[in-house]
């Protein structure tokens, strides 16, 4: 049964992992951790509901848990700006160079806004599904998207032809 879900939702889940993570290595780890959690909690899945929002919620929660763990870790306390810059240079460039500034601006958003943007715009989830995955009311999703659009417009300014 899990094999069927992996075949059906694997590519889309991996795309979400790539959107959330700074590197393909992190995305690979998140992808694997998400499927491990799915296997462990498949008995809690309600088949009368759609699988994809449940899977996406597990992925987002796994991502959040990873962020919390990293934030508590002393490993990312850089000694110099050169160390930090070297790490940032290792992040792969976006696939479409025209969207590079947009991806950078989205990465700079506060985490709550960034997750809403990724799920709604990049993963093309509707407001209801985004709210379900994030565990927040639909109005809060709309508010976060509005705040994110405002911040992105400020950050990107007039130098961008992108429409929101």
Protein backbone atom coordinates (compact mmCIF):
# COMPACT_ATOMS: atom_id res chain seq x y z
CA UNK A 1 0.00 0.00 0.00
CA UNK A 2 2.81 2.45 0.85
CA UNK A 3 4.45 1.65 -2.49
CA UNK A 4 1.32 2.82 -4.26
CA UNK A 5 1.33 6.11 -2.33
CA UNK A 6 5.03 6.63 -3.07
CA UNK A 7 4.43 6.09 -6.79
CA UNK A 8 1.41 8.39 -6.80
CA UNK A 9 2.64 11.21 -4.55
CA UNK A 10 6.43 10.79 -4.45
CA UNK A 11 7.39 13.36 -7.10
CA UNK A 12 5.07 16.01 -5.73
CA UNK A 13 6.29 15.38 -2.17
CA UNK A 14 9.90 15.64 -3.30
CA UNK A 15 9.10 18.95 -5.01
CA UNK A 16 7.67 20.23 -1.73
CA UNK A 17 10.81 19.06 0.09
CA UNK A 18 12.97 20.94 -2.42
CA UNK A 19 10.84 24.07 -1.92
CA UNK A 20 11.19 23.89 1.85
CA UNK A 21 14.88 23.03 2.09
CA UNK A 22 18.02 24.95 1.25
CA UNK A 23 19.79 22.04 -0.42
CA UNK A 24 19.05 18.78 -2.18
CA UNK A 25 20.73 16.93 0.67
CA UNK A 26 18.30 18.43 3.18
CA UNK A 27 15.40 17.76 0.79
CA UNK A 28 16.46 14.11 0.47
CA UNK A 29 16.54 13.76 4.25
CA UNK A 30 13.16 15.43 4.66
CA UNK A 31 11.66 13.23 1.93
CA UNK A 32 12.93 10.07 3.60
CA UNK A 33 11.93 11.20 7.10
CA UNK A 34 8.44 12.06 5.86
CA UNK A 35 7.89 8.61 4.36
CA UNK A 36 9.22 6.98 7.54
CA UNK A 37 6.68 8.94 9.57
CA UNK A 38 3.94 7.98 7.11
CA UNK A 39 4.81 4.30 7.55
CA UNK A 40 4.76 4.68 11.34
CA UNK A 41 1.44 6.50 11.42
CA UNK A 42 -0.45 4.98 8.48
CA UNK A 43 -2.84 3.32 10.94
CA UNK A 44 -3.99 6.82 11.96
CA UNK A 45 -4.84 7.80 8.38
CA UNK A 46 -8.58 8.08 7.70
CA UNK A 47 -9.19 6.63 4.20
CA UNK A 48 -12.40 8.66 3.86
CA UNK A 49 -10.21 11.78 3.63
CA UNK A 50 -7.76 12.76 0.91
CA UNK A 51 -4.26 11.36 1.33
CA UNK A 52 -2.26 14.25 -0.12
CA UNK A 53 -3.14 16.90 2.51
CA UNK A 54 -2.39 14.34 5.25
CA UNK A 55 0.96 13.55 3.63
CA UNK A 56 1.77 17.25 3.16
CA UNK A 57 0.96 17.96 6.80
CA UNK A 58 3.34 15.20 7.90
CA UNK A 59 6.05 16.69 5.65
CA UNK A 60 5.56 20.23 6.96
CA UNK A 61 5.51 19.04 10.58
CA UNK A 62 8.66 16.99 9.99
CA UNK A 63 10.29 20.08 8.47
CA UNK A 64 9.27 22.21 11.46
CA UNK A 65 10.64 19.61 13.88
CA UNK A 66 13.92 19.61 11.98
CA UNK A 67 14.12 23.41 12.17
CA UNK A 68 13.55 23.30 15.92
CA UNK A 69 16.25 20.67 16.34
CA UNK A 70 18.71 22.68 14.22
CA UNK A 71 17.93 25.88 16.12
CA UNK A 72 18.93 24.15 19.35
CA UNK A 73 22.11 22.77 17.79
CA UNK A 74 25.40 24.62 18.37
CA UNK A 75 26.70 23.40 14.99
CA UNK A 76 25.36 26.38 13.05
CA UNK A 77 26.95 29.01 15.26
CA UNK A 78 29.34 30.42 12.68
CA UNK A 79 32.68 31.71 13.90
CA UNK A 80 33.06 34.14 11.00
CA UNK A 81 30.99 35.69 8.24
CA UNK A 82 33.20 33.83 5.75
CA UNK A 83 31.95 30.50 7.12
CA UNK A 84 28.35 31.65 6.82
CA UNK A 85 28.93 32.98 3.28
CA UNK A 86 30.58 29.71 2.23
CA UNK A 87 27.54 27.77 3.39
CA UNK A 88 25.15 30.12 1.63
CA UNK A 89 27.15 29.83 -1.61
CA UNK A 90 26.64 26.06 -1.52
CA UNK A 91 22.86 26.46 -1.93
CA UNK A 92 21.88 25.49 -5.48
CA UNK A 93 20.60 28.16 -7.83
CA UNK A 94 16.92 28.12 -8.80
CA UNK A 95 16.00 26.25 -11.98
CA UNK A 96 14.69 29.37 -13.71
CA UNK A 97 17.13 32.28 -13.32
CA UNK A 98 14.34 34.80 -13.97
CA UNK A 99 12.74 33.71 -10.70
CA UNK A 100 15.97 33.81 -8.71
CA UNK A 101 15.14 37.07 -6.91
CA UNK A 102 11.66 35.77 -6.10
CA UNK A 103 12.98 32.53 -4.60
CA UNK A 104 15.53 34.48 -2.57
CA UNK A 105 12.84 36.86 -1.33
CA UNK A 106 10.54 33.96 -0.38
CA UNK A 107 13.41 32.31 1.50
CA UNK A 108 13.82 35.53 3.46
CA UNK A 109 10.21 35.63 4.65
CA UNK A 110 9.34 34.75 8.25
CA UNK A 111 8.73 30.99 8.49
CA UNK A 112 4.93 31.21 8.95
CA UNK A 113 4.56 33.38 5.86
CA UNK A 114 7.05 31.31 3.85
CA UNK A 115 5.19 28.05 4.51
CA UNK A 116 1.88 29.59 3.41
CA UNK A 117 3.47 30.92 0.20
CA UNK A 118 5.15 27.62 -0.63
CA UNK A 119 1.99 25.57 -0.11
CA UNK A 120 -0.37 27.99 -1.87
CA UNK A 121 1.74 29.21 -4.78
CA UNK A 122 4.45 26.62 -5.34
CA UNK A 123 2.45 23.51 -4.40
CA UNK A 124 -0.76 25.02 -5.84
CA UNK A 125 -2.89 24.05 -2.86
CA UNK A 126 -6.12 25.95 -2.32
CA UNK A 127 -6.78 28.02 0.80
CA UNK A 128 -8.69 25.21 2.54
CA UNK A 129 -5.97 22.62 1.95
CA UNK A 130 -3.25 25.05 3.01
CA UNK A 131 -5.18 25.80 6.20
CA UNK A 132 -5.62 22.10 6.89
CA UNK A 133 -1.93 21.34 6.40
CA UNK A 134 -0.82 24.24 8.59
CA UNK A 135 -3.52 23.60 11.19
CA UNK A 136 -4.79 27.18 11.08
CA UNK A 137 -8.07 28.85 10.02
CA UNK A 138 -8.56 29.79 6.37
CA UNK A 139 -8.69 33.48 7.30
CA UNK A 140 -5.24 33.19 8.84
CA UNK A 141 -3.91 31.67 5.61
CA UNK A 142 -5.36 34.57 3.63
CA UNK A 143 -3.86 37.05 6.07
CA UNK A 144 -0.43 35.41 5.88
CA UNK A 145 -0.53 35.35 2.09
CA UNK A 146 -1.50 39.03 2.03
CA UNK A 147 1.35 39.94 4.39
CA UNK A 148 3.77 37.83 2.35
CA UNK A 149 2.74 39.49 -0.92
CA UNK A 150 3.22 42.92 0.67
CA UNK A 151 6.68 41.99 1.96
CA UNK A 152 7.67 40.43 -1.36
CA UNK A 153 6.61 43.55 -3.24
CA UNK A 154 8.69 45.67 -0.87
CA UNK A 155 11.73 43.41 -1.16
CA UNK A 156 11.54 42.97 -4.92
CA UNK A 157 10.54 46.58 -5.52
CA UNK A 158 10.41 48.02 -9.00
CA UNK A 159 13.29 45.93 -10.29
CA UNK A 160 10.99 42.98 -10.87
CA UNK A 161 8.34 42.36 -13.50
CA UNK A 162 6.80 39.54 -11.45
CA UNK A 163 3.09 39.81 -10.71
CA UNK A 164 1.52 38.63 -7.45
